[in-house]
Amino acid sequence: LDNTLYSRRYGLEDNAKIRMQEFISGFLGIESEEVWHLRRTEGKK
């Protein structure tokens, strides 16, 4: 669906990723940059 049936230029998925980062940051109580690092390491599987 996303970025497939419509163009990524509309930014919907980019905006969703920002909201996701903020939500997980609040849940884990860590900075959003650390969320990104964890997602790219332990979360990559």
PDB file of all heavy atoms in Angstrom:
ATOM      1  N   LEU A   1       0.814  -1.213   0.000  1.00  0.00           N
ATOM      2  CA  LEU A   1       0.000   0.000   0.000  1.00  0.00           C
ATOM      3  C   LEU A   1       0.853   1.271   0.000  1.00  0.00           C
ATOM      4  O   LEU A   1       0.929   1.994  -0.994  1.00  0.00           O
ATOM      5  CB  LEU A   1      -0.933  -0.011   1.216  1.00  0.00           C
ATOM      6  CG  LEU A   1      -1.830   1.215   1.387  1.00  0.00           C
ATOM      7  CD1 LEU A   1      -2.888   1.268   0.301  1.00  0.00           C
ATOM      8  CD2 LEU A   1      -2.485   1.208   2.775  1.00  0.00           C
ATOM      9  N   ASP A   2       1.527   1.523   1.111  1.00  0.00           N
ATOM     10  CA  ASP A   2       2.208   2.806   1.297  1.00  0.00           C
ATOM     11  C   ASP A   2       3.471   2.921   0.447  1.00  0.00           C
ATOM     12  O   ASP A   2       4.298   2.009   0.400  1.00  0.00           O
ATOM     13  CB  ASP A   2       2.550   2.998   2.778  1.00  0.00           C
ATOM     14  CG  ASP A   2       1.290   3.102   3.621  1.00  0.00           C
ATOM     15  OD1 ASP A   2       0.496   4.022   3.381  1.00  0.00           O
ATOM     16  OD2 ASP A   2       1.095   2.245   4.508  1.00  0.00           O
ATOM     17  N   ASN A   3       3.587   4.060  -0.203  1.00  0.00           N
ATOM     18  CA  ASN A   3       4.696   4.342  -1.127  1.00  0.00           C
ATOM     19  C   ASN A   3       4.719   3.373  -2.310  1.00  0.00           C
ATOM     20  O   ASN A   3       5.740   3.256  -2.993  1.00  0.00           O
ATOM     21  CB  ASN A   3       6.051   4.326  -0.414  1.00  0.00           C
ATOM     22  CG  ASN A   3       6.236   5.535   0.491  1.00  0.00           C
ATOM     23  OD1 ASN A   3       5.451   6.473   0.449  1.00  0.00           O
ATOM     24  ND2 ASN A   3       7.274   5.509   1.306  1.00  0.00           N
ATOM     25  N   THR A   4       3.609   2.695  -2.528  1.00  0.00           N
ATOM     26  CA  THR A   4       3.470   1.808  -3.684  1.00  0.00           C
ATOM     27  C   THR A   4       2.259   2.213  -4.511  1.00  0.00           C
ATOM     28  O   THR A   4       2.377   2.494  -5.698  1.00  0.00           O
ATOM     29  CB  THR A   4       3.360   0.340  -3.244  1.00  0.00           C
ATOM     30  OG1 THR A   4       4.566  -0.044  -2.564  1.00  0.00           O
ATOM     31  CG2 THR A   4       3.169  -0.585  -4.441  1.00  0.00           C
ATOM     32  N   LEU A   5       1.088   2.280  -3.875  1.00  0.00           N
ATOM     33  CA  LEU A   5      -0.107   2.709  -4.588  1.00  0.00           C
ATOM     34  C   LEU A   5      -0.219   4.233  -4.664  1.00  0.00           C
ATOM     35  O   LEU A   5      -1.106   4.764  -5.324  1.00  0.00           O
ATOM     36  CB  LEU A   5      -1.360   2.112  -3.950  1.00  0.00           C
ATOM     37  CG  LEU A   5      -1.536   0.609  -4.186  1.00  0.00           C
ATOM     38  CD1 LEU A   5      -2.765   0.090  -3.450  1.00  0.00           C
ATOM     39  CD2 LEU A   5      -1.653   0.292  -5.677  1.00  0.00           C
ATOM     40  N   TYR A   6       0.669   4.918  -3.982  1.00  0.00           N
ATOM     41  CA  TYR A   6       0.793   6.370  -4.131  1.00  0.00           C
ATOM     42  C   TYR A   6       2.274   6.721  -4.024  1.00  0.00           C
ATOM     43  O   TYR A   6       3.079   5.939  -3.496  1.00  0.00           O
ATOM     44  CB  TYR A   6      -0.026   7.133  -3.078  1.00  0.00           C
ATOM     45  CG  TYR A   6       0.398   6.879  -1.656  1.00  0.00           C
ATOM     46  CD1 TYR A   6       1.441   7.606  -1.072  1.00  0.00           C
ATOM     47  CD2 TYR A   6      -0.231   5.908  -0.879  1.00  0.00           C
ATOM     48  CE1 TYR A   6       1.833   7.364   0.228  1.00  0.00           C
ATOM     49  CE2 TYR A   6       0.152   5.658   0.416  1.00  0.00           C
ATOM     50  CZ  TYR A   6       1.185   6.403   0.971  1.00  0.00           C
ATOM     51  OH  TYR A   6       1.581   6.152   2.261  1.00  0.00           O
ATOM     52  N   SER A   7       2.637   7.883  -4.519  1.00  0.00           N
ATOM     53  CA  SER A   7       4.035   8.287  -4.547  1.00  0.00           C
ATOM     54  C   SER A   7       4.550   8.679  -3.164  1.00  0.00           C
ATOM     55  O   SER A   7       3.829   9.294  -2.365  1.00  0.00           O
ATOM     56  CB  SER A   7       4.207   9.474  -5.505  1.00  0.00           C
ATOM     57  OG  SER A   7       5.513  10.009  -5.420  1.00  0.00           O
ATOM     58  N   ARG A   8       5.806   8.372  -2.911  1.00  0.00           N
ATOM     59  CA  ARG A   8       6.419   8.754  -1.646  1.00  0.00           C
ATOM     60  C   ARG A   8       6.579  10.271  -1.528  1.00  0.00           C
ATOM     61  O   ARG A   8       6.829  10.800  -0.436  1.00  0.00           O
ATOM     62  CB  ARG A   8       7.767   8.065  -1.441  1.00  0.00           C
ATOM     63  CG  ARG A   8       8.848   8.432  -2.404  1.00  0.00           C
ATOM     64  CD  ARG A   8      10.215   7.852  -2.007  1.00  0.00           C
ATOM     65  NE  ARG A   8      10.194   6.445  -1.704  1.00  0.00           N
ATOM     66  CZ  ARG A   8      10.388   5.940  -0.469  1.00  0.00           C
ATOM     67  NH1 ARG A   8      10.608   6.738   0.548  1.00  0.00           N
ATOM     68  NH2 ARG A   8      10.369   4.646  -0.272  1.00  0.00           N
ATOM     69  N   ARG A   9       6.414  10.997  -2.626  1.00  0.00           N
ATOM     70  CA  ARG A   9       6.589  12.449  -2.568  1.00  0.00           C
ATOM     71  C   ARG A   9       5.534  13.134  -1.701  1.00  0.00           C
ATOM     72  O   ARG A   9       5.715  14.272  -1.275  1.00  0.00           O
ATOM     73  CB  ARG A   9       6.576  13.054  -3.967  1.00  0.00           C
ATOM     74  CG  ARG A   9       5.240  13.053  -4.675  1.00  0.00           C
ATOM     75  CD  ARG A   9       5.321  13.782  -6.018  1.00  0.00           C
ATOM     76  NE  ARG A   9       4.059  13.774  -6.732  1.00  0.00           N
ATOM     77  CZ  ARG A   9       3.670  12.825  -7.576  1.00  0.00           C
ATOM     78  NH1 ARG A   9       4.460  11.785  -7.806  1.00  0.00           N
ATOM     79  NH2 ARG A   9       2.507  12.906  -8.186  1.00  0.00           N
ATOM     80  N   TYR A  10       4.418  12.429  -1.421  1.00  0.00           N
ATOM     81  CA  TYR A  10       3.396  13.008  -0.556  1.00  0.00           C
ATOM     82  C   TYR A  10       3.790  12.976   0.918  1.00  0.00           C
ATOM     83  O   TYR A  10       3.139  13.619   1.742  1.00  0.00           O
ATOM     84  CB  TYR A  10       2.054  12.308  -0.780  1.00  0.00           C
ATOM     85  CG  TYR A  10       1.502  12.554  -2.156  1.00  0.00           C
ATOM     86  CD1 TYR A  10       1.463  11.533  -3.106  1.00  0.00           C
ATOM     87  CD2 TYR A  10       1.056  13.816  -2.536  1.00  0.00           C
ATOM     88  CE1 TYR A  10       0.977  11.758  -4.386  1.00  0.00           C
ATOM     89  CE2 TYR A  10       0.572  14.052  -3.815  1.00  0.00           C
ATOM     90  CZ  TYR A  10       0.550  13.021  -4.739  1.00  0.00           C
ATOM     91  OH  TYR A  10       0.077  13.258  -6.010  1.00  0.00           O
ATOM     92  N   GLY A  11       4.811  12.213   1.250  1.00  0.00           N
ATOM     93  CA  GLY A  11       5.378  12.241   2.595  1.00  0.00           C
ATOM     94  C   GLY A  11       4.582  11.530   3.670  1.00  0.00           C
ATOM     95  O   GLY A  11       4.906  11.661   4.855  1.00  0.00           O
ATOM     96  N   LEU A  12       3.577  10.751   3.305  1.00  0.00           N
ATOM     97  CA  LEU A  12       2.755  10.107   4.332  1.00  0.00           C
ATOM     98  C   LEU A  12       3.561   9.147   5.195  1.00  0.00           C
ATOM     99  O   LEU A  12       3.453   9.161   6.426  1.00  0.00           O
ATOM    100  CB  LEU A  12       1.582   9.354   3.682  1.00  0.00           C
ATOM    101  CG  LEU A  12       0.290  10.150   3.491  1.00  0.00           C
ATOM    102  CD1 LEU A  12       0.491  11.224   2.423  1.00  0.00           C
ATOM    103  CD2 LEU A  12      -0.857   9.234   3.101  1.00  0.00           C
ATOM    104  N   GLU A  13       4.374   8.324   4.554  1.00  0.00           N
ATOM    105  CA  GLU A  13       5.130   7.347   5.338  1.00  0.00           C
ATOM    106  C   GLU A  13       6.261   8.018   6.110  1.00  0.00           C
ATOM    107  O   GLU A  13       6.568   7.607   7.233  1.00  0.00           O
ATOM    108  CB  GLU A  13       5.683   6.247   4.434  1.00  0.00           C
ATOM    109  CG  GLU A  13       6.257   5.091   5.230  1.00  0.00           C
ATOM    110  CD  GLU A  13       6.391   3.818   4.426  1.00  0.00           C
ATOM    111  OE1 GLU A  13       5.386   3.099   4.266  1.00  0.00           O
ATOM    112  OE2 GLU A  13       7.504   3.547   3.969  1.00  0.00           O
ATOM    113  N   ASP A  14       6.845   9.046   5.549  1.00  0.00           N
ATOM    114  CA  ASP A  14       7.876   9.795   6.285  1.00  0.00           C
ATOM    115  C   ASP A  14       7.288  10.405   7.551  1.00  0.00           C
ATOM    116  O   ASP A  14       7.908  10.358   8.621  1.00  0.00           O
ATOM    117  CB  ASP A  14       8.466  10.896   5.406  1.00  0.00           C
ATOM    118  CG  ASP A  14       9.315  10.356   4.268  1.00  0.00           C
ATOM    119  OD1 ASP A  14       9.785   9.211   4.385  1.00  0.00           O
ATOM    120  OD2 ASP A  14       9.499  11.069   3.274  1.00  0.00           O
ATOM    121  N   ASN A  15       6.095  10.975   7.442  1.00  0.00           N
ATOM    122  CA  ASN A  15       5.443  11.559   8.611  1.00  0.00           C
ATOM    123  C   ASN A  15       5.072  10.487   9.626  1.00  0.00           C
ATOM    124  O   ASN A  15       5.190  10.696  10.843  1.00  0.00           O
ATOM    125  CB  ASN A  15       4.189  12.331   8.185  1.00  0.00           C
ATOM    126  CG  ASN A  15       4.516  13.583   7.395  1.00  0.00           C
ATOM    127  OD1 ASN A  15       5.608  14.145   7.521  1.00  0.00           O
ATOM    128  ND2 ASN A  15       3.581  14.027   6.578  1.00  0.00           N
ATOM    129  N   ALA A  16       4.640   9.337   9.134  1.00  0.00           N
ATOM    130  CA  ALA A  16       4.311   8.231  10.035  1.00  0.00           C
ATOM    131  C   ALA A  16       5.551   7.759  10.786  1.00  0.00           C
ATOM    132  O   ALA A  16       5.479   7.431  11.979  1.00  0.00           O
ATOM    133  CB  ALA A  16       3.686   7.075   9.255  1.00  0.00           C
ATOM    134  N   LYS A  17       6.680   7.744  10.107  1.00  0.00           N
ATOM    135  CA  LYS A  17       7.927   7.322  10.769  1.00  0.00           C
ATOM    136  C   LYS A  17       8.337   8.303  11.856  1.00  0.00           C
ATOM    137  O   LYS A  17       8.855   7.901  12.908  1.00  0.00           O
ATOM    138  CB  LYS A  17       9.037   7.174   9.728  1.00  0.00           C
ATOM    139  CG  LYS A  17       8.895   5.937   8.853  1.00  0.00           C
ATOM    140  CD  LYS A  17      10.028   5.839   7.836  1.00  0.00           C
ATOM    141  CE  LYS A  17       9.899   4.579   6.999  1.00  0.00           C
ATOM    142  NZ  LYS A  17      10.964   4.479   5.970  1.00  0.00           N
ATOM    143  N   ILE A  18       8.105   9.585  11.622  1.00  0.00           N
ATOM    144  CA  ILE A  18       8.411  10.590  12.650  1.00  0.00           C
ATOM    145  C   ILE A  18       7.529  10.366  13.877  1.00  0.00           C
ATOM    146  O   ILE A  18       8.005  10.382  15.024  1.00  0.00           O
ATOM    147  CB  ILE A  18       8.213  12.006  12.091  1.00  0.00           C
ATOM    148  CG1 ILE A  18       9.284  12.309  11.032  1.00  0.00           C
ATOM    149  CG2 ILE A  18       8.271  13.052  13.211  1.00  0.00           C
ATOM    150  CD1 ILE A  18       9.041  13.590  10.264  1.00  0.00           C
ATOM    151  N   ARG A  19       6.233  10.156  13.644  1.00  0.00           N
ATOM    152  CA  ARG A  19       5.319   9.899  14.770  1.00  0.00           C
ATOM    153  C   ARG A  19       5.690   8.604  15.485  1.00  0.00           C
ATOM    154  O   ARG A  19       5.614   8.505  16.716  1.00  0.00           O
ATOM    155  CB  ARG A  19       3.881   9.845  14.260  1.00  0.00           C
ATOM    156  CG  ARG A  19       3.354  11.175  13.756  1.00  0.00           C
ATOM    157  CD  ARG A  19       1.858  11.129  13.476  1.00  0.00           C
ATOM    158  NE  ARG A  19       1.504  10.286  12.359  1.00  0.00           N
ATOM    159  CZ  ARG A  19       1.382  10.713  11.096  1.00  0.00           C
ATOM    160  NH1 ARG A  19       1.614  11.978  10.796  1.00  0.00           N
ATOM    161  NH2 ARG A  19       1.031   9.874  10.133  1.00  0.00           N
ATOM    162  N   MET A  20       6.117   7.606  14.739  1.00  0.00           N
ATOM    163  CA  MET A  20       6.548   6.337  15.309  1.00  0.00           C
ATOM    164  C   MET A  20       7.766   6.525  16.209  1.00  0.00           C
ATOM    165  O   MET A  20       7.825   5.993  17.325  1.00  0.00           O
ATOM    166  CB  MET A  20       6.875   5.359  14.181  1.00  0.00           C
ATOM    167  CG  MET A  20       7.234   3.953  14.607  1.00  0.00           C
ATOM    168  SD  MET A  20       7.750   2.970  13.172  1.00  0.00           S
ATOM    169  CE  MET A  20       6.343   3.173  12.073  1.00  0.00           C
ATOM    170  N   GLN A  21       8.722   7.288  15.699  1.00  0.00           N
ATOM    171  CA  GLN A  21       9.940   7.559  16.463  1.00  0.00           C
ATOM    172  C   GLN A  21       9.604   8.256  17.780  1.00  0.00           C
ATOM    173  O   GLN A  21      10.126   7.906  18.845  1.00  0.00           O
ATOM    174  CB  GLN A  21      10.863   8.455  15.626  1.00  0.00           C
ATOM    175  CG  GLN A  21      12.285   8.542  16.124  1.00  0.00           C
ATOM    176  CD  GLN A  21      13.192   7.566  15.406  1.00  0.00           C
ATOM    177  OE1 GLN A  21      12.729   6.580  14.816  1.00  0.00           O
ATOM    178  NE2 GLN A  21      14.460   7.831  15.439  1.00  0.00           N
ATOM    179  N   GLU A  22       8.707   9.234  17.708  1.00  0.00           N
ATOM    180  CA  GLU A  22       8.329   9.986  18.906  1.00  0.00           C
ATOM    181  C   GLU A  22       7.580   9.099  19.900  1.00  0.00           C
ATOM    182  O   GLU A  22       7.809   9.179  21.116  1.00  0.00           O
ATOM    183  CB  GLU A  22       7.462  11.183  18.506  1.00  0.00           C
ATOM    184  CG  GLU A  22       8.222  12.247  17.718  1.00  0.00           C
ATOM    185  CD  GLU A  22       7.321  13.335  17.180  1.00  0.00           C
ATOM    186  OE1 GLU A  22       6.081  13.142  17.202  1.00  0.00           O
ATOM    187  OE2 GLU A  22       7.839  14.372  16.731  1.00  0.00           O
ATOM    188  N   PHE A  23       6.699   8.245  19.385  1.00  0.00           N
ATOM    189  CA  PHE A  23       5.940   7.360  20.268  1.00  0.00           C
ATOM    190  C   PHE A  23       6.859   6.387  20.985  1.00  0.00           C
ATOM    191  O   PHE A  23       6.770   6.208  22.207  1.00  0.00           O
ATOM    192  CB  PHE A  23       4.896   6.595  19.460  1.00  0.00           C
ATOM    193  CG  PHE A  23       3.969   5.763  20.310  1.00  0.00           C
ATOM    194  CD1 PHE A  23       2.740   6.259  20.692  1.00  0.00           C
ATOM    195  CD2 PHE A  23       4.330   4.483  20.725  1.00  0.00           C
ATOM    196  CE1 PHE A  23       1.884   5.493  21.480  1.00  0.00           C
ATOM    197  CE2 PHE A  23       3.490   3.720  21.511  1.00  0.00           C
ATOM    198  CZ  PHE A  23       2.256   4.230  21.892  1.00  0.00           C
ATOM    199  N   ILE A  24       7.737   5.743  20.249  1.00  0.00           N
ATOM    200  CA  ILE A  24       8.640   4.755  20.853  1.00  0.00           C
ATOM    201  C   ILE A  24       9.618   5.431  21.803  1.00  0.00           C
ATOM    202  O   ILE A  24       9.959   4.881  22.855  1.00  0.00           O
ATOM    203  CB  ILE A  24       9.381   3.968  19.755  1.00  0.00           C
ATOM    204  CG1 ILE A  24       8.373   3.163  18.922  1.00  0.00           C
ATOM    205  CG2 ILE A  24      10.419   3.026  20.366  1.00  0.00           C
ATOM    206  CD1 ILE A  24       8.985   2.451  17.732  1.00  0.00           C
ATOM    207  N   SER A  25      10.049   6.636  21.457  1.00  0.00           N
ATOM    208  CA  SER A  25      10.926   7.393  22.341  1.00  0.00           C
ATOM    209  C   SER A  25      10.254   7.624  23.691  1.00  0.00           C
ATOM    210  O   SER A  25      10.863   7.442  24.751  1.00  0.00           O
ATOM    211  CB  SER A  25      11.291   8.735  21.694  1.00  0.00           C
ATOM    212  OG  SER A  25      12.039   9.532  22.584  1.00  0.00           O
ATOM    213  N   GLY A  26       8.973   8.020  23.644  1.00  0.00           N
ATOM    214  CA  GLY A  26       8.240   8.242  24.887  1.00  0.00           C
ATOM    215  C   GLY A  26       8.024   6.957  25.666  1.00  0.00           C
ATOM    216  O   GLY A  26       8.141   6.938  26.898  1.00  0.00           O
ATOM    217  N   PHE A  27       7.723   5.867  24.957  1.00  0.00           N
ATOM    218  CA  PHE A  27       7.494   4.588  25.625  1.00  0.00           C
ATOM    219  C   PHE A  27       8.747   4.073  26.312  1.00  0.00           C
ATOM    220  O   PHE A  27       8.701   3.608  27.457  1.00  0.00           O
ATOM    221  CB  PHE A  27       6.992   3.560  24.609  1.00  0.00           C
ATOM    222  CG  PHE A  27       6.963   2.148  25.119  1.00  0.00           C
ATOM    223  CD1 PHE A  27       6.109   1.772  26.143  1.00  0.00           C
ATOM    224  CD2 PHE A  27       7.824   1.190  24.593  1.00  0.00           C
ATOM    225  CE1 PHE A  27       6.093   0.470  26.623  1.00  0.00           C
ATOM    226  CE2 PHE A  27       7.815  -0.112  25.070  1.00  0.00           C
ATOM    227  CZ  PHE A  27       6.947  -0.476  26.086  1.00  0.00           C
ATOM    228  N   LEU A  28       9.879   4.179  25.629  1.00  0.00           N
ATOM    229  CA  LEU A  28      11.136   3.662  26.184  1.00  0.00           C
ATOM    230  C   LEU A  28      11.830   4.656  27.108  1.00  0.00           C
ATOM    231  O   LEU A  28      12.741   4.280  27.851  1.00  0.00           O
ATOM    232  CB  LEU A  28      12.086   3.266  25.046  1.00  0.00           C
ATOM    233  CG  LEU A  28      11.638   2.110  24.151  1.00  0.00           C
ATOM    234  CD1 LEU A  28      12.661   1.870  23.044  1.00  0.00           C
ATOM    235  CD2 LEU A  28      11.425   0.836  24.956  1.00  0.00           C
ATOM    236  N   GLY A  29      11.426   5.929  27.042  1.00  0.00           N
ATOM    237  CA  GLY A  29      12.056   6.950  27.872  1.00  0.00           C
ATOM    238  C   GLY A  29      13.470   7.281  27.434  1.00  0.00           C
ATOM    239  O   GLY A  29      14.340   7.543  28.273  1.00  0.00           O
ATOM    240  N   ILE A  30      13.713   7.251  26.126  1.00  0.00           N
ATOM    241  CA  ILE A  30      15.033   7.560  25.590  1.00  0.00           C
ATOM    242  C   ILE A  30      14.893   8.564  24.453  1.00  0.00           C
ATOM    243  O   ILE A  30      13.805   8.829  23.961  1.00  0.00           O
ATOM    244  CB  ILE A  30      15.754   6.293  25.073  1.00  0.00           C
ATOM    245  CG1 ILE A  30      14.929   5.630  23.951  1.00  0.00           C
ATOM    246  CG2 ILE A  30      15.988   5.313  26.213  1.00  0.00           C
ATOM    247  CD1 ILE A  30      15.603   4.399  23.351  1.00  0.00           C
ATOM    248  N   GLU A  31      16.009   9.140  24.033  1.00  0.00           N
ATOM    249  CA  GLU A  31      16.004  10.101  22.940  1.00  0.00           C
ATOM    250  C   GLU A  31      15.679   9.401  21.614  1.00  0.00           C
ATOM    251  O   GLU A  31      15.979   8.217  21.439  1.00  0.00           O
ATOM    252  CB  GLU A  31      17.355  10.805  22.838  1.00  0.00           C
ATOM    253  CG  GLU A  31      17.708  11.650  24.051  1.00  0.00           C
ATOM    254  CD  GLU A  31      16.772  12.824  24.244  1.00  0.00           C
ATOM    255  OE1 GLU A  31      16.290  13.360  23.215  1.00  0.00           O
ATOM    256  OE2 GLU A  31      16.511  13.187  25.399  1.00  0.00           O
ATOM    257  N   SER A  32      15.086  10.162  20.703  1.00  0.00           N
ATOM    258  CA  SER A  32      14.678   9.580  19.429  1.00  0.00           C
ATOM    259  C   SER A  32      15.866   9.060  18.630  1.00  0.00           C
ATOM    260  O   SER A  32      15.754   8.081  17.892  1.00  0.00           O
ATOM    261  CB  SER A  32      13.907  10.604  18.600  1.00  0.00           C
ATOM    262  OG  SER A  32      14.678  11.755  18.350  1.00  0.00           O
ATOM    263  N   GLU A  33      17.034   9.696  18.777  1.00  0.00           N
ATOM    264  CA  GLU A  33      18.224   9.221  18.066  1.00  0.00           C
ATOM    265  C   GLU A  33      18.605   7.818  18.537  1.00  0.00           C
ATOM    266  O   GLU A  33      19.051   6.982  17.740  1.00  0.00           O
ATOM    267  CB  GLU A  33      19.402  10.179  18.274  1.00  0.00           C
ATOM    268  CG  GLU A  33      19.243  11.537  17.630  1.00  0.00           C
ATOM    269  CD  GLU A  33      18.377  12.480  18.440  1.00  0.00           C
ATOM    270  OE1 GLU A  33      17.968  12.102  19.568  1.00  0.00           O
ATOM    271  OE2 GLU A  33      18.092  13.590  17.947  1.00  0.00           O
ATOM    272  N   GLU A  34      18.425   7.551  19.819  1.00  0.00           N
ATOM    273  CA  GLU A  34      18.747   6.226  20.344  1.00  0.00           C
ATOM    274  C   GLU A  34      17.726   5.192  19.854  1.00  0.00           C
ATOM    275  O   GLU A  34      18.073   4.032  19.619  1.00  0.00           O
ATOM    276  CB  GLU A  34      18.779   6.237  21.869  1.00  0.00           C
ATOM    277  CG  GLU A  34      19.317   4.942  22.468  1.00  0.00           C
ATOM    278  CD  GLU A  34      19.493   5.007  23.971  1.00  0.00           C
ATOM    279  OE1 GLU A  34      19.346   6.102  24.542  1.00  0.00           O
ATOM    280  OE2 GLU A  34      19.776   3.952  24.563  1.00  0.00           O
ATOM    281  N   VAL A  35      16.479   5.614  19.701  1.00  0.00           N
ATOM    282  CA  VAL A  35      15.463   4.718  19.140  1.00  0.00           C
ATOM    283  C   VAL A  35      15.886   4.272  17.756  1.00  0.00           C
ATOM    284  O   VAL A  35      15.804   3.082  17.409  1.00  0.00           O
ATOM    285  CB  VAL A  35      14.089   5.425  19.063  1.00  0.00           C
ATOM    286  CG1 VAL A  35      13.096   4.556  18.276  1.00  0.00           C
ATOM    287  CG2 VAL A  35      13.549   5.709  20.455  1.00  0.00           C
ATOM    288  N   TRP A  36      16.320   5.221  16.939  1.00  0.00           N
ATOM    289  CA  TRP A  36      16.759   4.900  15.589  1.00  0.00           C
ATOM    290  C   TRP A  36      17.916   3.909  15.616  1.00  0.00           C
ATOM    291  O   TRP A  36      17.940   2.942  14.838  1.00  0.00           O
ATOM    292  CB  TRP A  36      17.158   6.172  14.859  1.00  0.00           C
ATOM    293  CG  TRP A  36      17.685   5.948  13.478  1.00  0.00           C
ATOM    294  CD1 TRP A  36      18.953   6.144  13.030  1.00  0.00           C
ATOM    295  CD2 TRP A  36      16.953   5.467  12.340  1.00  0.00           C
ATOM    296  NE1 TRP A  36      19.059   5.823  11.706  1.00  0.00           N
ATOM    297  CE2 TRP A  36      17.854   5.409  11.255  1.00  0.00           C
ATOM    298  CE3 TRP A  36      15.634   5.079  12.143  1.00  0.00           C
ATOM    299  CZ2 TRP A  36      17.461   4.966   9.996  1.00  0.00           C
ATOM    300  CZ3 TRP A  36      15.243   4.650  10.882  1.00  0.00           C
ATOM    301  CH2 TRP A  36      16.164   4.606   9.826  1.00  0.00           C
ATOM    302  N   HIS A  37      18.869   4.121  16.516  1.00  0.00           N
ATOM    303  CA  HIS A  37      20.025   3.224  16.617  1.00  0.00           C
ATOM    304  C   HIS A  37      19.574   1.813  17.021  1.00  0.00           C
ATOM    305  O   HIS A  37      20.019   0.818  16.425  1.00  0.00           O
ATOM    306  CB  HIS A  37      21.021   3.762  17.637  1.00  0.00           C
ATOM    307  CG  HIS A  37      22.137   2.812  17.946  1.00  0.00           C
ATOM    308  ND1 HIS A  37      23.154   2.529  17.046  1.00  0.00           N
ATOM    309  CD2 HIS A  37      22.404   2.046  19.046  1.00  0.00           C
ATOM    310  CE1 HIS A  37      23.982   1.655  17.571  1.00  0.00           C
ATOM    311  NE2 HIS A  37      23.548   1.342  18.785  1.00  0.00           N
ATOM    312  N   LEU A  38      18.690   1.715  18.007  1.00  0.00           N
ATOM    313  CA  LEU A  38      18.222   0.404  18.459  1.00  0.00           C
ATOM    314  C   LEU A  38      17.445  -0.316  17.368  1.00  0.00           C
ATOM    315  O   LEU A  38      17.559  -1.525  17.198  1.00  0.00           O
ATOM    316  CB  LEU A  38      17.350   0.559  19.706  1.00  0.00           C
ATOM    317  CG  LEU A  38      18.065   0.926  21.000  1.00  0.00           C
ATOM    318  CD1 LEU A  38      17.055   1.190  22.105  1.00  0.00           C
ATOM    319  CD2 LEU A  38      19.032  -0.166  21.419  1.00  0.00           C
ATOM    320  N   ARG A  39      16.634   0.455  16.640  1.00  0.00           N
ATOM    321  CA  ARG A  39      15.840  -0.157  15.562  1.00  0.00           C
ATOM    322  C   ARG A  39      16.749  -0.716  14.474  1.00  0.00           C
ATOM    323  O   ARG A  39      16.450  -1.736  13.855  1.00  0.00           O
ATOM    324  CB  ARG A  39      14.878   0.890  14.968  1.00  0.00           C
ATOM    325  CG  ARG A  39      13.987   0.360  13.842  1.00  0.00           C
ATOM    326  CD  ARG A  39      13.027  -0.697  14.346  1.00  0.00           C
ATOM    327  NE  ARG A  39      12.119  -1.143  13.295  1.00  0.00           N
ATOM    328  CZ  ARG A  39      12.306  -2.227  12.544  1.00  0.00           C
ATOM    329  NH1 ARG A  39      13.378  -2.977  12.719  1.00  0.00           N
ATOM    330  NH2 ARG A  39      11.427  -2.570  11.630  1.00  0.00           N
ATOM    331  N   ARG A  40      17.879  -0.043  14.240  1.00  0.00           N
ATOM    332  CA  ARG A  40      18.811  -0.465  13.199  1.00  0.00           C
ATOM    333  C   ARG A  40      19.722  -1.595  13.667  1.00  0.00           C
ATOM    334  O   ARG A  40      20.386  -2.228  12.841  1.00  0.00           O
ATOM    335  CB  ARG A  40      19.676   0.719  12.754  1.00  0.00           C
ATOM    336  CG  ARG A  40      18.908   1.870  12.140  1.00  0.00           C
ATOM    337  CD  ARG A  40      18.403   1.548  10.767  1.00  0.00           C
ATOM    338  NE  ARG A  40      19.482   1.478   9.801  1.00  0.00           N
ATOM    339  CZ  ARG A  40      19.322   1.202   8.521  1.00  0.00           C
ATOM    340  NH1 ARG A  40      18.120   0.946   8.044  1.00  0.00           N
ATOM    341  NH2 ARG A  40      20.350   1.161   7.699  1.00  0.00           N
ATOM    342  N   THR A  41      19.764  -1.867  14.975  1.00  0.00           N
ATOM    343  CA  THR A  41      20.633  -2.923  15.498  1.00  0.00           C
ATOM    344  C   THR A  41      19.792  -4.100  15.997  1.00  0.00           C
ATOM    345  O   THR A  41      19.549  -5.054  15.274  1.00  0.00           O
ATOM    346  CB  THR A  41      21.543  -2.378  16.616  1.00  0.00           C
ATOM    347  OG1 THR A  41      20.746  -1.720  17.620  1.00  0.00           O
ATOM    348  CG2 THR A  41      22.549  -1.382  16.049  1.00  0.00           C
ATOM    349  N   GLU A  42      19.289  -4.025  17.217  1.00  0.00           N
ATOM    350  CA  GLU A  42      18.542  -5.167  17.756  1.00  0.00           C
ATOM    351  C   GLU A  42      17.197  -5.356  17.071  1.00  0.00           C
ATOM    352  O   GLU A  42      16.643  -6.458  17.068  1.00  0.00           O
ATOM    353  CB  GLU A  42      18.336  -5.008  19.262  1.00  0.00           C
ATOM    354  CG  GLU A  42      17.384  -3.912  19.684  1.00  0.00           C
ATOM    355  CD  GLU A  42      17.172  -3.900  21.190  1.00  0.00           C
ATOM    356  OE1 GLU A  42      18.161  -4.000  21.930  1.00  0.00           O
ATOM    357  OE2 GLU A  42      16.003  -3.790  21.601  1.00  0.00           O
ATOM    358  N   GLY A  43      16.654  -4.294  16.464  1.00  0.00           N
ATOM    359  CA  GLY A  43      15.352  -4.410  15.835  1.00  0.00           C
ATOM    360  C   GLY A  43      15.373  -4.778  14.379  1.00  0.00           C
ATOM    361  O   GLY A  43      14.320  -4.972  13.768  1.00  0.00           O
ATOM    362  N   LYS A  44      16.546  -4.927  13.797  1.00  0.00           N
ATOM    363  CA  LYS A  44      16.622  -5.133  12.354  1.00  0.00           C
ATOM    364  C   LYS A  44      16.085  -6.492  11.903  1.00  0.00           C
ATOM    365  O   LYS A  44      15.738  -6.670  10.738  1.00  0.00           O
ATOM    366  CB  LYS A  44      18.059  -4.959  11.867  1.00  0.00           C
ATOM    367  CG  LYS A  44      19.033  -6.008  12.350  1.00  0.00           C
ATOM    368  CD  LYS A  44      20.438  -5.730  11.813  1.00  0.00           C
ATOM    369  CE  LYS A  44      21.434  -6.767  12.272  1.00  0.00           C
ATOM    370  NZ  LYS A  44      22.800  -6.494  11.745  1.00  0.00           N
ATOM    371  N   LYS A  45      15.987  -7.440  12.828  1.00  0.00           N
ATOM    372  CA  LYS A  45      15.493  -8.767  12.448  1.00  0.00           C
ATOM    373  C   LYS A  45      13.965  -8.827  12.390  1.00  0.00           C
ATOM    374  O   LYS A  45      13.408  -9.860  12.011  1.00  0.00           O
ATOM    375  CB  LYS A  45      16.013  -9.820  13.430  1.00  0.00           C
ATOM    376  CG  LYS A  45      15.582  -9.618  14.867  1.00  0.00           C
ATOM    377  CD  LYS A  45      16.248 -10.649  15.785  1.00  0.00           C
ATOM    378  CE  LYS A  45      15.900 -10.401  17.244  1.00  0.00           C
ATOM    379  NZ  LYS A  45      16.556 -11.378  18.143  1.00  0.00           N
TER     380      LYS A  45
END
